Structures are given as structure tokens and as C-alpha cells.
Amino acid sequence: QVQLVESGGGLVQAGGSLRLSCVFSEPLFTFNAMGWARQAPGKQRELVAVITSGGSRNYSDSVKGRFTITRENGKKTVYMQMNSLKPEDTAVYYCAANRPFQGTYWGQGTQVTVSS
């Protein structure tokens, strides 16, 4: 059973930074894409950052230039550095990973709250 465990969320003031971590139970090379999504109260889940097995990265317009997704294969960990945080970034952040023919796996989520 694939497990993804997020950490690093918390309360931060606007303009501050946080780094989220997602530890995988299996090697990262077994996934074709990994990423972060978020869901604010009353809103749909939004994919904000993706890194592929080939190293390509994509970001939603709402976080581009402020968030950076990286990975550390030896530690089976994916990170998301979040800078210049805004109150509208407040959400539960989920780690996700996709395997061909198996679908998408999700973590349990970590709360990020940005105060104004």
C-alpha cells in the first residue's frame, strides 16, 4: 500500500514562508508525476504544483513565482517551498502521486493558515 505523509504546515503571517514535505513509502522513480494540491473551505481541490519523473515542473498561475516544488530521491521526499504567502493561500495541502495504470495516490493533508 502506497503511503504519502505530509508535514510542515502551520500558521504564518502574510509575506512569510513555509516548506511542506511529503515522504513516500516507495521510491519516487516508480511514479510518473508527483505534486501538491490544495483545498480551501467551500472550494474545489486545486492542483498547484507538479514535478514529473523527468524533472519538468508546472505551477498554477496562482502560485507561480512564489512556490517551488523539488524532490530528493534518496529520501523519497517531495518538497514545496512556499514564499510570499498570502491569506488566500490558506487551505489544506495534499501531496499526490500518479502511477501509470494505478491512478493517483493522496496523502492525508496538512493545514496551512496565512494570517493577514
PDB file of N, CA and C in Angstrom:
ATOM      1  N   GLN A   1       0.835  -1.184   0.000  1.00  0.00           N
ATOM      2  CA  GLN A   1       0.000   0.000   0.000  1.00  0.00           C
ATOM      3  C   GLN A   1       0.882   1.251   0.000  1.00  0.00           C
ATOM      4  N   VAL A   2       0.706   2.074  -1.004  1.00  0.00           N
ATOM      5  CA  VAL A   2       1.484   3.306  -1.105  1.00  0.00           C
ATOM      6  C   VAL A   2       1.020   4.293  -0.042  1.00  0.00           C
ATOM      7  N   GLN A   3       1.971   4.883   0.656  1.00  0.00           N
ATOM      8  CA  GLN A   3       1.648   5.898   1.659  1.00  0.00           C
ATOM      9  C   GLN A   3       2.421   7.177   1.367  1.00  0.00           C
ATOM     10  N   LEU A   4       1.731   8.297   1.505  1.00  0.00           N
ATOM     11  CA  LEU A   4       2.326   9.617   1.354  1.00  0.00           C
ATOM     12  C   LEU A   4       2.026  10.373   2.646  1.00  0.00           C
ATOM     13  N   VAL A   5       3.054  10.862   3.305  1.00  0.00           N
ATOM     14  CA  VAL A   5       2.865  11.522   4.588  1.00  0.00           C
ATOM     15  C   VAL A   5       3.397  12.949   4.517  1.00  0.00           C
ATOM     16  N   GLU A   6       2.467  13.907   4.643  1.00  0.00           N
ATOM     17  CA  GLU A   6       2.833  15.325   4.575  1.00  0.00           C
ATOM     18  C   GLU A   6       3.181  15.869   5.964  1.00  0.00           C
ATOM     19  N   SER A   7       3.987  16.902   5.963  1.00  0.00           N
ATOM     20  CA  SER A   7       4.288  17.645   7.178  1.00  0.00           C
ATOM     21  C   SER A   7       4.738  19.042   6.777  1.00  0.00           C
ATOM     22  N   GLY A   8       4.821  19.921   7.778  1.00  0.00           N
ATOM     23  CA  GLY A   8       5.338  21.261   7.523  1.00  0.00           C
ATOM     24  C   GLY A   8       4.312  22.364   7.498  1.00  0.00           C
ATOM     25  N   GLY A   9       3.044  22.011   7.582  1.00  0.00           N
ATOM     26  CA  GLY A   9       2.029  23.049   7.611  1.00  0.00           C
ATOM     27  C   GLY A   9       2.050  23.800   8.928  1.00  0.00           C
ATOM     28  N   GLY A  10       1.263  24.862   8.978  1.00  0.00           N
ATOM     29  CA  GLY A  10       1.199  25.649  10.199  1.00  0.00           C
ATOM     30  C   GLY A  10       0.589  27.001   9.968  1.00  0.00           C
ATOM     31  N   LEU A  11       0.762  27.866  10.961  1.00  0.00           N
ATOM     32  CA  LEU A  11       0.239  29.225  10.913  1.00  0.00           C
ATOM     33  C   LEU A  11       1.392  30.187  10.632  1.00  0.00           C
ATOM     34  N   VAL A  12       1.208  31.059   9.658  1.00  0.00           N
ATOM     35  CA  VAL A  12       2.254  32.009   9.288  1.00  0.00           C
ATOM     36  C   VAL A  12       1.607  33.334   8.916  1.00  0.00           C
ATOM     37  N   GLN A  13       2.328  34.419   9.118  1.00  0.00           N
ATOM     38  CA  GLN A  13       1.803  35.721   8.718  1.00  0.00           C
ATOM     39  C   GLN A  13       1.977  35.937   7.226  1.00  0.00           C
ATOM     40  N   ALA A  14       1.138  36.769   6.672  1.00  0.00           N
ATOM     41  CA  ALA A  14       1.252  37.112   5.255  1.00  0.00           C
ATOM     42  C   ALA A  14       2.663  37.616   4.959  1.00  0.00           C
ATOM     43  N   GLY A  15       3.212  37.154   3.846  1.00  0.00           N
ATOM     44  CA  GLY A  15       4.572  37.501   3.479  1.00  0.00           C
ATOM     45  C   GLY A  15       5.603  36.496   3.951  1.00  0.00           C
ATOM     46  N   GLY A  16       5.189  35.602   4.812  1.00  0.00           N
ATOM     47  CA  GLY A  16       6.092  34.602   5.360  1.00  0.00           C
ATOM     48  C   GLY A  16       6.279  33.406   4.445  1.00  0.00           C
ATOM     49  N   SER A  17       7.016  32.424   4.959  1.00  0.00           N
ATOM     50  CA  SER A  17       7.349  31.232   4.181  1.00  0.00           C
ATOM     51  C   SER A  17       7.104  29.965   4.993  1.00  0.00           C
ATOM     52  N   LEU A  18       6.829  28.900   4.270  1.00  0.00           N
ATOM     53  CA  LEU A  18       6.740  27.562   4.842  1.00  0.00           C
ATOM     54  C   LEU A  18       7.306  26.575   3.833  1.00  0.00           C
ATOM     55  N   ARG A  19       7.795  25.451   4.333  1.00  0.00           N
ATOM     56  CA  ARG A  19       8.212  24.371   3.441  1.00  0.00           C
ATOM     57  C   ARG A  19       7.455  23.113   3.827  1.00  0.00           C
ATOM     58  N   LEU A  20       6.714  22.591   2.868  1.00  0.00           N
ATOM     59  CA  LEU A  20       5.990  21.344   3.058  1.00  0.00           C
ATOM     60  C   LEU A  20       6.861  20.180   2.602  1.00  0.00           C
ATOM     61  N   SER A  21       6.721  19.060   3.298  1.00  0.00           N
ATOM     62  CA  SER A  21       7.431  17.847   2.924  1.00  0.00           C
ATOM     63  C   SER A  21       6.433  16.711   2.756  1.00  0.00           C
ATOM     64  N   CYS A  22       6.739  15.818   1.848  1.00  0.00           N
ATOM     65  CA  CYS A  22       5.905  14.633   1.625  1.00  0.00           C
ATOM     66  C   CYS A  22       6.829  13.436   1.496  1.00  0.00           C
ATOM     67  N   VAL A  23       6.757  12.550   2.466  1.00  0.00           N
ATOM     68  CA  VAL A  23       7.596  11.358   2.451  1.00  0.00           C
ATOM     69  C   VAL A  23       6.796  10.198   1.866  1.00  0.00           C
ATOM     70  N   PHE A  24       7.392   9.544   0.881  1.00  0.00           N
ATOM     71  CA  PHE A  24       6.768   8.419   0.192  1.00  0.00           C
ATOM     72  C   PHE A  24       7.225   7.100   0.814  1.00  0.00           C
ATOM     73  N   SER A  25       6.355   6.112   0.735  1.00  0.00           N
ATOM     74  CA  SER A  25       6.712   4.785   1.238  1.00  0.00           C
ATOM     75  C   SER A  25       7.460   3.979   0.183  1.00  0.00           C
ATOM     76  N   GLU A  26       7.457   4.480  -1.066  1.00  0.00           N
ATOM     77  CA  GLU A  26       8.106   3.755  -2.153  1.00  0.00           C
ATOM     78  C   GLU A  26       8.967   4.728  -2.960  1.00  0.00           C
ATOM     79  N   PRO A  27       9.947   4.209  -3.696  1.00  0.00           N
ATOM     80  CA  PRO A  27      10.866   5.086  -4.438  1.00  0.00           C
ATOM     81  C   PRO A  27      10.140   6.008  -5.405  1.00  0.00           C
ATOM     82  N   LEU A  28      10.651   7.228  -5.516  1.00  0.00           N
ATOM     83  CA  LEU A  28       9.995   8.228  -6.357  1.00  0.00           C
ATOM     84  C   LEU A  28       9.997   7.839  -7.834  1.00  0.00           C
ATOM     85  N   PHE A  29      10.991   7.068  -8.266  1.00  0.00           N
ATOM     86  CA  PHE A  29      11.071   6.741  -9.688  1.00  0.00           C
ATOM     87  C   PHE A  29       9.936   5.826 -10.137  1.00  0.00           C
ATOM     88  N   THR A  30       9.191   5.269  -9.192  1.00  0.00           N
ATOM     89  CA  THR A  30       8.064   4.400  -9.548  1.00  0.00           C
ATOM     90  C   THR A  30       6.804   5.193  -9.893  1.00  0.00           C
ATOM     91  N   PHE A  31       6.883   6.519  -9.756  1.00  0.00           N
ATOM     92  CA  PHE A  31       5.753   7.394 -10.076  1.00  0.00           C
ATOM     93  C   PHE A  31       6.099   8.242 -11.290  1.00  0.00           C
ATOM     94  N   ASN A  32       5.149   8.502 -12.149  1.00  0.00           N
ATOM     95  CA  ASN A  32       5.445   9.311 -13.329  1.00  0.00           C
ATOM     96  C   ASN A  32       5.245  10.803 -13.057  1.00  0.00           C
ATOM     97  N   ALA A  33       4.528  11.127 -11.996  1.00  0.00           N
ATOM     98  CA  ALA A  33       4.358  12.533 -11.629  1.00  0.00           C
ATOM     99  C   ALA A  33       4.000  12.629 -10.161  1.00  0.00           C
ATOM    100  N   MET A  34       4.476  13.693  -9.543  1.00  0.00           N
ATOM    101  CA  MET A  34       4.193  13.964  -8.131  1.00  0.00           C
ATOM    102  C   MET A  34       3.850  15.431  -7.995  1.00  0.00           C
ATOM    103  N   GLY A  35       3.011  15.739  -7.016  1.00  0.00           N
ATOM    104  CA  GLY A  35       2.640  17.137  -6.898  1.00  0.00           C
ATOM    105  C   GLY A  35       1.926  17.476  -5.614  1.00  0.00           C
ATOM    106  N   TRP A  36       1.497  18.723  -5.581  1.00  0.00           N
ATOM    107  CA  TRP A  36       0.758  19.257  -4.445  1.00  0.00           C
ATOM    108  C   TRP A  36      -0.542  19.880  -4.929  1.00  0.00           C
ATOM    109  N   ALA A  37      -1.585  19.602  -4.182  1.00  0.00           N
ATOM    110  CA  ALA A  37      -2.880  20.233  -4.429  1.00  0.00           C
ATOM    111  C   ALA A  37      -3.356  20.861  -3.121  1.00  0.00           C
ATOM    112  N   ARG A  38      -4.304  21.754  -3.225  1.00  0.00           N
ATOM    113  CA  ARG A  38      -4.843  22.367  -2.015  1.00  0.00           C
ATOM    114  C   ARG A  38      -6.345  22.513  -2.128  1.00  0.00           C
ATOM    115  N   GLN A  39      -6.971  22.559  -0.963  1.00  0.00           N
ATOM    116  CA  GLN A  39      -8.417  22.741  -0.921  1.00  0.00           C
ATOM    117  C   GLN A  39      -8.776  23.677   0.210  1.00  0.00           C
ATOM    118  N   ALA A  40      -9.349  24.800  -0.157  1.00  0.00           N
ATOM    119  CA  ALA A  40      -9.827  25.766   0.819  1.00  0.00           C
ATOM    120  C   ALA A  40     -11.282  25.461   1.151  1.00  0.00           C
ATOM    121  N   PRO A  41     -11.771  25.892   2.301  1.00  0.00           N
ATOM    122  CA  PRO A  41     -13.163  25.623   2.680  1.00  0.00           C
ATOM    123  C   PRO A  41     -14.143  26.121   1.621  1.00  0.00           C
ATOM    124  N   GLY A  42     -15.038  25.246   1.210  1.00  0.00           N
ATOM    125  CA  GLY A  42     -16.058  25.620   0.241  1.00  0.00           C
ATOM    126  C   GLY A  42     -15.590  25.685  -1.193  1.00  0.00           C
ATOM    127  N   LYS A  43     -14.338  25.286  -1.429  1.00  0.00           N
ATOM    128  CA  LYS A  43     -13.804  25.351  -2.787  1.00  0.00           C
ATOM    129  C   LYS A  43     -13.359  23.975  -3.255  1.00  0.00           C
ATOM    130  N   GLN A  44     -13.216  23.845  -4.559  1.00  0.00           N
ATOM    131  CA  GLN A  44     -12.744  22.593  -5.124  1.00  0.00           C
ATOM    132  C   GLN A  44     -11.241  22.439  -4.913  1.00  0.00           C
ATOM    133  N   ARG A  45     -10.798  21.193  -4.910  1.00  0.00           N
ATOM    134  CA  ARG A  45      -9.375  20.939  -4.793  1.00  0.00           C
ATOM    135  C   ARG A  45      -8.669  21.457  -6.040  1.00  0.00           C
ATOM    136  N   GLU A  46      -7.533  22.133  -5.817  1.00  0.00           N
ATOM    137  CA  GLU A  46      -6.786  22.772  -6.900  1.00  0.00           C
ATOM    138  C   GLU A  46      -5.367  22.217  -6.939  1.00  0.00           C
ATOM    139  N   LEU A  47      -4.947  21.752  -8.108  1.00  0.00           N
ATOM    140  CA  LEU A  47      -3.575  21.299  -8.265  1.00  0.00           C
ATOM    141  C   LEU A  47      -2.687  22.529  -8.441  1.00  0.00           C
ATOM    142  N   VAL A  48      -1.657  22.675  -7.600  1.00  0.00           N
ATOM    143  CA  VAL A  48      -0.856  23.893  -7.653  1.00  0.00           C
ATOM    144  C   VAL A  48       0.565  23.674  -8.153  1.00  0.00           C
ATOM    145  N   ALA A  49       1.103  22.474  -8.004  1.00  0.00           N
ATOM    146  CA  ALA A  49       2.480  22.236  -8.445  1.00  0.00           C
ATOM    147  C   ALA A  49       2.657  20.767  -8.792  1.00  0.00           C
ATOM    148  N   VAL A  50       3.380  20.521  -9.876  1.00  0.00           N
ATOM    149  CA  VAL A  50       3.639  19.160 -10.332  1.00  0.00           C
ATOM    150  C   VAL A  50       5.103  19.045 -10.755  1.00  0.00           C
ATOM    151  N   ILE A  51       5.711  17.921 -10.423  1.00  0.00           N
ATOM    152  CA  ILE A  51       7.038  17.594 -10.935  1.00  0.00           C
ATOM    153  C   ILE A  51       6.965  16.194 -11.527  1.00  0.00           C
ATOM    154  N   THR A  52       7.448  16.050 -12.748  1.00  0.00           N
ATOM    155  CA  THR A  52       7.371  14.763 -13.408  1.00  0.00           C
ATOM    156  C   THR A  52       8.618  13.925 -13.130  1.00  0.00           C
ATOM    157  N   SER A  53       8.563  12.674 -13.545  1.00  0.00           N
ATOM    158  CA  SER A  53       9.719  11.802 -13.361  1.00  0.00           C
ATOM    159  C   SER A  53      10.923  12.312 -14.143  1.00  0.00           C
ATOM    160  N   GLY A  54      10.653  13.049 -15.207  1.00  0.00           N
ATOM    161  CA  GLY A  54      11.737  13.616 -15.998  1.00  0.00           C
ATOM    162  C   GLY A  54      12.262  14.924 -15.458  1.00  0.00           C
ATOM    163  N   GLY A  55      11.628  15.441 -14.413  1.00  0.00           N
ATOM    164  CA  GLY A  55      12.100  16.671 -13.785  1.00  0.00           C
ATOM    165  C   GLY A  55      11.387  17.933 -14.223  1.00  0.00           C
ATOM    166  N   SER A  56      10.442  17.836 -15.137  1.00  0.00           N
ATOM    167  CA  SER A  56       9.685  19.015 -15.548  1.00  0.00           C
ATOM    168  C   SER A  56       8.774  19.475 -14.426  1.00  0.00           C
ATOM    169  N   ARG A  57       8.616  20.787 -14.321  1.00  0.00           N
ATOM    170  CA  ARG A  57       7.781  21.345 -13.272  1.00  0.00           C
ATOM    171  C   ARG A  57       6.722  22.258 -13.873  1.00  0.00           C
ATOM    172  N   ASN A  58       5.557  22.218 -13.287  1.00  0.00           N
ATOM    173  CA  ASN A  58       4.478  23.104 -13.693  1.00  0.00           C
ATOM    174  C   ASN A  58       3.770  23.633 -12.454  1.00  0.00           C
ATOM    175  N   TYR A  59       3.300  24.871 -12.577  1.00  0.00           N
ATOM    176  CA  TYR A  59       2.634  25.528 -11.455  1.00  0.00           C
ATOM    177  C   TYR A  59       1.337  26.173 -11.918  1.00  0.00           C
ATOM    178  N   SER A  60       0.401  26.272 -11.002  1.00  0.00           N
ATOM    179  CA  SER A  60      -0.803  27.031 -11.315  1.00  0.00           C
ATOM    180  C   SER A  60      -0.448  28.516 -11.327  1.00  0.00           C
ATOM    181  N   ASP A  61      -1.233  29.285 -12.027  1.00  0.00           N
ATOM    182  CA  ASP A  61      -0.970  30.721 -12.096  1.00  0.00           C
ATOM    183  C   ASP A  61      -1.018  31.374 -10.716  1.00  0.00           C
ATOM    184  N   SER A  62      -1.820  30.809  -9.834  1.00  0.00           N
ATOM    185  CA  SER A  62      -1.999  31.414  -8.513  1.00  0.00           C
ATOM    186  C   SER A  62      -0.750  31.321  -7.631  1.00  0.00           C
ATOM    187  N   VAL A  63       0.171  30.410  -7.945  1.00  0.00           N
ATOM    188  CA  VAL A  63       1.361  30.254  -7.091  1.00  0.00           C
ATOM    189  C   VAL A  63       2.661  30.449  -7.863  1.00  0.00           C
ATOM    190  N   LYS A  64       2.580  30.595  -9.168  1.00  0.00           N
ATOM    191  CA  LYS A  64       3.780  30.700  -9.995  1.00  0.00           C
ATOM    192  C   LYS A  64       4.640  31.874  -9.533  1.00  0.00           C
ATOM    193  N   GLY A  65       5.930  31.604  -9.380  1.00  0.00           N
ATOM    194  CA  GLY A  65       6.852  32.642  -8.926  1.00  0.00           C
ATOM    195  C   GLY A  65       6.995  32.720  -7.416  1.00  0.00           C
ATOM    196  N   ARG A  66       6.115  32.047  -6.691  1.00  0.00           N
ATOM    197  CA  ARG A  66       6.167  32.074  -5.216  1.00  0.00           C
ATOM    198  C   ARG A  66       6.436  30.688  -4.621  1.00  0.00           C
ATOM    199  N   PHE A  67       5.941  29.645  -5.275  1.00  0.00           N
ATOM    200  CA  PHE A  67       6.100  28.279  -4.775  1.00  0.00           C
ATOM    201  C   PHE A  67       7.093  27.539  -5.662  1.00  0.00           C
ATOM    202  N   THR A  68       7.861  26.634  -5.053  1.00  0.00           N
ATOM    203  CA  THR A  68       8.814  25.816  -5.802  1.00  0.00           C
ATOM    204  C   THR A  68       8.711  24.373  -5.336  1.00  0.00           C
ATOM    205  N   ILE A  69       8.520  23.472  -6.276  1.00  0.00           N
ATOM    206  CA  ILE A  69       8.461  22.046  -5.961  1.00  0.00           C
ATOM    207  C   ILE A  69       9.801  21.409  -6.297  1.00  0.00           C
ATOM    208  N   THR A  70      10.281  20.583  -5.376  1.00  0.00           N
ATOM    209  CA  THR A  70      11.530  19.866  -5.589  1.00  0.00           C
ATOM    210  C   THR A  70      11.372  18.443  -5.061  1.00  0.00           C
ATOM    211  N   ARG A  71      12.369  17.624  -5.349  1.00  0.00           N
ATOM    212  CA  ARG A  71      12.335  16.263  -4.858  1.00  0.00           C
ATOM    213  C   ARG A  71      13.732  15.828  -4.439  1.00  0.00           C
ATOM    214  N   GLU A  72      13.789  14.909  -3.523  1.00  0.00           N
ATOM    215  CA  GLU A  72      15.049  14.330  -3.084  1.00  0.00           C
ATOM    216  C   GLU A  72      14.875  12.814  -3.142  1.00  0.00           C
ATOM    217  N   ASN A  73      15.375  12.226  -4.213  1.00  0.00           N
ATOM    218  CA  ASN A  73      15.117  10.815  -4.476  1.00  0.00           C
ATOM    219  C   ASN A  73      15.623   9.912  -3.353  1.00  0.00           C
ATOM    220  N   GLY A  74      16.806  10.212  -2.832  1.00  0.00           N
ATOM    221  CA  GLY A  74      17.383   9.353  -1.794  1.00  0.00           C
ATOM    222  C   GLY A  74      16.565   9.308  -0.530  1.00  0.00           C
ATOM    223  N   LYS A  75      15.838  10.376  -0.262  1.00  0.00           N
ATOM    224  CA  LYS A  75      14.995  10.441   0.922  1.00  0.00           C
ATOM    225  C   LYS A  75      13.530  10.134   0.614  1.00  0.00           C
ATOM    226  N   LYS A  76      13.239   9.816  -0.658  1.00  0.00           N
ATOM    227  CA  LYS A  76      11.862   9.528  -1.085  1.00  0.00           C
ATOM    228  C   LYS A  76      10.929  10.648  -0.631  1.00  0.00           C
ATOM    229  N   THR A  77      11.363  11.876  -0.857  1.00  0.00           N
ATOM    230  CA  THR A  77      10.626  13.035  -0.350  1.00  0.00           C
ATOM    231  C   THR A  77      10.453  14.079  -1.439  1.00  0.00           C
ATOM    232  N   VAL A  78       9.264  14.645  -1.471  1.00  0.00           N
ATOM    233  CA  VAL A  78       8.953  15.774  -2.333  1.00  0.00           C
ATOM    234  C   VAL A  78       8.667  16.974  -1.433  1.00  0.00           C
ATOM    235  N   TYR A  79       9.200  18.114  -1.830  1.00  0.00           N
ATOM    236  CA  TYR A  79       9.035  19.330  -1.036  1.00  0.00           C
ATOM    237  C   TYR A  79       8.269  20.389  -1.834  1.00  0.00           C
ATOM    238  N   MET A  80       7.694  21.316  -1.108  1.00  0.00           N
ATOM    239  CA  MET A  80       7.191  22.524  -1.747  1.00  0.00           C
ATOM    240  C   MET A  80       7.544  23.717  -0.857  1.00  0.00           C
ATOM    241  N   GLN A  81       8.432  24.537  -1.377  1.00  0.00           N
ATOM    242  CA  GLN A  81       8.804  25.772  -0.702  1.00  0.00           C
ATOM    243  C   GLN A  81       7.792  26.847  -1.072  1.00  0.00           C
ATOM    244  N   MET A  82       7.186  27.448  -0.072  1.00  0.00           N
ATOM    245  CA  MET A  82       6.152  28.457  -0.304  1.00  0.00           C
ATOM    246  C   MET A  82       6.618  29.781   0.279  1.00  0.00           C
ATOM    247  N   ASN A  83       6.823  30.752  -0.585  1.00  0.00           N
ATOM    248  CA  ASN A  83       7.280  32.077  -0.185  1.00  0.00           C
ATOM    249  C   ASN A  83       6.203  33.121  -0.459  1.00  0.00           C
ATOM    250  N   SER A  84       6.366  34.268   0.149  1.00  0.00           N
ATOM    251  CA  SER A  84       5.427  35.384  -0.063  1.00  0.00           C
ATOM    252  C   SER A  84       3.984  34.923   0.096  1.00  0.00           C
ATOM    253  N   LEU A  85       3.732  34.220   1.166  1.00  0.00           N
ATOM    254  CA  LEU A  85       2.399  33.650   1.369  1.00  0.00           C
ATOM    255  C   LEU A  85       1.353  34.736   1.563  1.00  0.00           C
ATOM    256  N   LYS A  86       0.160  34.435   1.057  1.00  0.00           N
ATOM    257  CA  LYS A  86      -0.976  35.347   1.117  1.00  0.00           C
ATOM    258  C   LYS A  86      -2.115  34.681   1.876  1.00  0.00           C
ATOM    259  N   PRO A  87      -3.017  35.466   2.445  1.00  0.00           N
ATOM    260  CA  PRO A  87      -4.170  34.850   3.128  1.00  0.00           C
ATOM    261  C   PRO A  87      -4.953  33.894   2.236  1.00  0.00           C
ATOM    262  N   GLU A  88      -5.009  34.181   0.941  1.00  0.00           N
ATOM    263  CA  GLU A  88      -5.739  33.301   0.028  1.00  0.00           C
ATOM    264  C   GLU A  88      -5.030  31.973  -0.226  1.00  0.00           C
ATOM    265  N   ASP A  89      -3.825  31.809   0.292  1.00  0.00           N
ATOM    266  CA  ASP A  89      -3.147  30.516   0.223  1.00  0.00           C
ATOM    267  C   ASP A  89      -3.601  29.580   1.333  1.00  0.00           C
ATOM    268  N   THR A  90      -4.407  30.066   2.250  1.00  0.00           N
ATOM    269  CA  THR A  90      -4.910  29.245   3.337  1.00  0.00           C
ATOM    270  C   THR A  90      -5.733  28.089   2.791  1.00  0.00           C
ATOM    271  N   ALA A  91      -5.345  26.871   3.177  1.00  0.00           N
ATOM    272  CA  ALA A  91      -6.008  25.670   2.661  1.00  0.00           C
ATOM    273  C   ALA A  91      -5.383  24.443   3.322  1.00  0.00           C
ATOM    274  N   VAL A  92      -6.009  23.311   3.091  1.00  0.00           N
ATOM    275  CA  VAL A  92      -5.368  22.034   3.387  1.00  0.00           C
ATOM    276  C   VAL A  92      -4.582  21.637   2.146  1.00  0.00           C
ATOM    277  N   TYR A  93      -3.310  21.348   2.342  1.00  0.00           N
ATOM    278  CA  TYR A  93      -2.436  20.984   1.236  1.00  0.00           C
ATOM    279  C   TYR A  93      -2.218  19.473   1.230  1.00  0.00           C
ATOM    280  N   TYR A  94      -2.406  18.887   0.054  1.00  0.00           N
ATOM    281  CA  TYR A  94      -2.296  17.452  -0.125  1.00  0.00           C
ATOM    282  C   TYR A  94      -1.152  17.114  -1.080  1.00  0.00           C
ATOM    283  N   CYS A  95      -0.408  16.104  -0.714  1.00  0.00           N
ATOM    284  CA  CYS A  95       0.591  15.531  -1.609  1.00  0.00           C
ATOM    285  C   CYS A  95      -0.097  14.480  -2.476  1.00  0.00           C
ATOM    286  N   ALA A  96       0.302  14.383  -3.724  1.00  0.00           N
ATOM    287  CA  ALA A  96      -0.304  13.424  -4.637  1.00  0.00           C
ATOM    288  C   ALA A  96       0.759  12.843  -5.550  1.00  0.00           C
ATOM    289  N   ALA A  97       0.501  11.635  -6.021  1.00  0.00           N
ATOM    290  CA  ALA A  97       1.431  10.990  -6.940  1.00  0.00           C
ATOM    291  C   ALA A  97       0.664  10.043  -7.847  1.00  0.00           C
ATOM    292  N   ASN A  98       1.113   9.983  -9.086  1.00  0.00           N
ATOM    293  CA  ASN A  98       0.418   9.172 -10.080  1.00  0.00           C
ATOM    294  C   ASN A  98       1.309   8.051 -10.595  1.00  0.00           C
ATOM    295  N   ARG A  99       0.718   6.867 -10.703  1.00  0.00           N
ATOM    296  CA  ARG A  99       1.406   5.736 -11.314  1.00  0.00           C
ATOM    297  C   ARG A  99       0.614   5.290 -12.515  1.00  0.00           C
ATOM    298  N   PRO A 100       1.271   5.011 -13.615  1.00  0.00           N
ATOM    299  CA  PRO A 100       0.552   4.513 -14.787  1.00  0.00           C
ATOM    300  C   PRO A 100      -0.243   3.256 -14.440  1.00  0.00           C
ATOM    301  N   PHE A 101      -1.477   3.208 -14.908  1.00  0.00           N
ATOM    302  CA  PHE A 101      -2.368   2.055 -14.759  1.00  0.00           C
ATOM    303  C   PHE A 101      -2.849   1.837 -13.323  1.00  0.00           C
ATOM    304  N   GLN A 102      -2.385   2.658 -12.371  1.00  0.00           N
ATOM    305  CA  GLN A 102      -2.827   2.500 -10.982  1.00  0.00           C
ATOM    306  C   GLN A 102      -3.599   3.707 -10.490  1.00  0.00           C
ATOM    307  N   GLY A 103      -3.409   4.844 -11.120  1.00  0.00           N
ATOM    308  CA  GLY A 103      -4.133   6.026 -10.687  1.00  0.00           C
ATOM    309  C   GLY A 103      -3.332   6.894  -9.752  1.00  0.00           C
ATOM    310  N   THR A 104      -4.053   7.724  -9.003  1.00  0.00           N
ATOM    311  CA  THR A 104      -3.439   8.735  -8.152  1.00  0.00           C
ATOM    312  C   THR A 104      -3.567   8.369  -6.686  1.00  0.00           C
ATOM    313  N   TYR A 105      -2.456   8.551  -5.986  1.00  0.00           N
ATOM    314  CA  TYR A 105      -2.426   8.350  -4.538  1.00  0.00           C
ATOM    315  C   TYR A 105      -2.388   9.708  -3.855  1.00  0.00           C
ATOM    316  N   TRP A 106      -3.019   9.781  -2.663  1.00  0.00           N
ATOM    317  CA  TRP A 106      -3.099  11.051  -1.933  1.00  0.00           C
ATOM    318  C   TRP A 106      -2.620  10.881  -0.504  1.00  0.00           C
ATOM    319  N   GLY A 107      -2.021  11.947   0.027  1.00  0.00           N
ATOM    320  CA  GLY A 107      -1.706  11.984   1.434  1.00  0.00           C
ATOM    321  C   GLY A 107      -2.912  12.438   2.232  1.00  0.00           C
ATOM    322  N   GLN A 108      -2.716  12.563   3.552  1.00  0.00           N
ATOM    323  CA  GLN A 108      -3.837  12.900   4.435  1.00  0.00           C
ATOM    324  C   GLN A 108      -4.056  14.407   4.541  1.00  0.00           C
ATOM    325  N   GLY A 109      -3.089  15.180   4.094  1.00  0.00           N
ATOM    326  CA  GLY A 109      -3.228  16.636   4.094  1.00  0.00           C
ATOM    327  C   GLY A 109      -2.582  17.290   5.299  1.00  0.00           C
ATOM    328  N   THR A 110      -2.156  18.528   5.090  1.00  0.00           N
ATOM    329  CA  THR A 110      -1.595  19.337   6.170  1.00  0.00           C
ATOM    330  C   THR A 110      -2.147  20.754   6.039  1.00  0.00           C
ATOM    331  N   GLN A 111      -2.554  21.330   7.148  1.00  0.00           N
ATOM    332  CA  GLN A 111      -3.213  22.633   7.136  1.00  0.00           C
ATOM    333  C   GLN A 111      -2.186  23.753   7.055  1.00  0.00           C
ATOM    334  N   VAL A 112      -2.426  24.687   6.152  1.00  0.00           N
ATOM    335  CA  VAL A 112      -1.642  25.912   6.065  1.00  0.00           C
ATOM    336  C   VAL A 112      -2.593  27.084   6.273  1.00  0.00           C
ATOM    337  N   THR A 113      -2.282  27.914   7.246  1.00  0.00           N
ATOM    338  CA  THR A 113      -3.105  29.083   7.528  1.00  0.00           C
ATOM    339  C   THR A 113      -2.235  30.324   7.470  1.00  0.00           C
ATOM    340  N   VAL A 114      -2.638  31.280   6.646  1.00  0.00           N
ATOM    341  CA  VAL A 114      -1.888  32.522   6.478  1.00  0.00           C
ATOM    342  C   VAL A 114      -2.738  33.660   7.032  1.00  0.00           C
ATOM    343  N   SER A 115      -2.227  34.318   8.053  1.00  0.00           N
ATOM    344  CA  SER A 115      -2.970  35.417   8.664  1.00  0.00           C
ATOM    345  C   SER A 115      -2.579  36.746   8.016  1.00  0.00           C
ATOM    346  N   SER A 116      -3.536  37.644   7.991  1.00  0.00           N
ATOM    347  CA  SER A 116      -3.288  38.953   7.367  1.00  0.00           C
ATOM    348  C   SER A 116      -2.752  39.960   8.366  1.00  0.00           C
TER     349      SER A 116
END
